[in-house]
Protein backbone atom coordinates (compact mmCIF):
# COMPACT_ATOMS: atom_id res chain seq x y z
CA UNK A 1 105.46 74.27 8.60
CA UNK A 2 104.43 77.11 9.09
CA UNK A 3 105.57 80.65 8.64
CA UNK A 4 108.25 82.33 10.59
CA UNK A 5 105.92 84.88 11.05
CA UNK A 6 102.60 82.79 12.32
CA UNK A 7 105.98 81.34 14.50
CA UNK A 8 106.83 84.61 16.22
CA UNK A 9 103.69 85.96 17.19
CA UNK A 10 102.15 82.49 18.83
CA UNK A 11 105.88 82.58 21.00
CA UNK A 12 104.63 86.42 21.99
CA UNK A 13 101.10 85.48 22.95
CA UNK A 14 102.12 82.36 24.67
CA UNK A 15 104.76 84.28 26.95
CA UNK A 16 102.52 87.22 26.79
CA UNK A 17 106.32 89.40 25.13
CA UNK A 18 105.95 92.55 23.49
CA UNK A 19 107.09 93.33 19.66
CA UNK A 20 109.96 94.60 20.94
CA UNK A 21 110.88 91.78 23.92
CA UNK A 22 110.50 89.31 20.79
CA UNK A 23 112.66 91.33 18.80
CA UNK A 24 115.56 90.83 21.25
CA UNK A 25 115.08 87.23 22.19
CA UNK A 26 115.62 86.17 18.68
CA UNK A 27 118.40 88.88 17.77
CA UNK A 28 115.75 90.18 14.87
CA UNK A 29 114.14 93.69 13.59
CA UNK A 30 110.44 93.26 13.04
CA UNK A 31 111.08 93.70 9.48
CA UNK A 32 112.47 90.75 9.77
CA UNK A 33 110.19 87.98 11.70
CA UNK A 34 107.02 90.03 9.02
CA UNK A 35 109.45 88.90 5.73
CA UNK A 36 110.06 85.65 6.52
CA UNK A 37 113.86 85.65 7.18
CA UNK A 38 113.98 84.18 10.20
CA UNK A 39 112.76 80.52 8.38
CA UNK A 40 116.45 79.09 8.56
CA UNK A 41 117.27 79.87 12.34
CA UNK A 42 116.30 77.55 14.82
CA UNK A 43 115.70 79.80 17.91
CA UNK A 44 111.86 79.81 17.29
CA UNK A 45 110.89 76.10 16.61
CA UNK A 46 113.35 75.13 19.66
CA UNK A 47 112.25 78.07 22.02
CA UNK A 48 108.12 76.86 21.28
CA UNK A 49 109.17 72.85 21.52
CA UNK A 50 110.46 73.67 24.95
CA UNK A 51 106.97 75.69 25.63
CA UNK A 52 104.88 73.06 24.46
CA UNK A 53 104.67 70.37 26.86
CA UNK A 54 104.64 73.29 29.92
CA UNK A 55 102.18 74.58 28.64
CA UNK A 56 99.74 71.32 28.61
CA UNK A 57 101.27 71.17 31.96
CA UNK A 58 100.58 74.43 33.42
CA UNK A 59 98.05 76.43 30.65
CA UNK A 60 99.39 80.14 28.83
CA UNK A 61 98.10 81.91 31.91
CA UNK A 62 100.34 80.71 34.27
CA UNK A 63 103.32 80.17 31.41
CA UNK A 64 102.99 84.69 30.91
CA UNK A 65 102.78 85.19 34.39
CA UNK A 66 105.75 83.07 35.19
CA UNK A 67 108.34 84.38 32.69
CA UNK A 68 108.33 87.76 34.87
CA UNK A 69 108.72 86.30 37.78
CA UNK A 70 112.16 86.36 39.54
CA UNK A 71 112.52 83.45 40.41
CA UNK A 72 116.57 81.24 42.18
CA UNK A 73 117.95 82.26 39.10
CA UNK A 74 116.21 85.43 38.31
CA UNK A 75 113.44 86.41 36.22
CA UNK A 76 113.19 83.50 32.44
CA UNK A 77 112.54 86.76 30.64
CA UNK A 78 115.41 88.23 31.64
CA UNK A 79 117.30 84.59 30.06
CA UNK A 80 115.71 85.42 27.71
CA UNK A 81 115.86 88.39 26.21
CA UNK A 82 119.90 87.82 27.01
CA UNK A 83 119.14 84.69 24.67
CA UNK A 84 120.55 82.56 27.70
CA UNK A 85 118.39 79.41 26.06
CA UNK A 86 120.72 76.92 28.55
CA UNK A 87 119.11 78.86 31.68
CA UNK A 88 116.34 79.29 29.40
CA UNK A 89 115.71 75.90 29.15
CA UNK A 90 116.56 74.71 33.08
CA UNK A 91 113.76 77.77 34.07
CA UNK A 92 111.64 75.66 31.94
CA UNK A 93 112.49 72.60 33.33
CA UNK A 94 112.55 73.60 37.18
CA UNK A 95 108.64 75.47 36.16
CA UNK A 96 107.75 71.59 34.28
CA UNK A 97 109.31 69.84 37.63
CA UNK A 98 107.99 72.04 40.44
CA UNK A 99 105.05 73.91 38.71
CA UNK A 100 104.27 77.18 39.30
CA UNK A 101 105.58 78.43 43.35
CA UNK A 102 105.21 82.13 44.66
CA UNK A 103 106.88 82.41 47.56
CA UNK A 104 105.27 84.94 50.13
CA UNK A 105 107.78 87.58 52.35
CA UNK A 106 106.92 90.20 54.79
């Protein structure tokens, strides 16, 4: 199993998160991430597993854009930062089911 710091870097890269956003989403400080103190917490692995299929379907570039676009229930990033993982999971499921749909407005 990869070290928590490696998995955190993977999540950060996959979603284009800043270090501050990553720390907020994981309720951790940078030292905890680097020192492996998150190895016992499940959130990081669960998020990566949840995003794996979406990445295969739409690609990492789309995930980085999607996470910051407002959808019917808000931006996925906002759910992640609130640590509302149930809403984030629903948003990922919608992405996988419908794809990345941009609605234009005039």
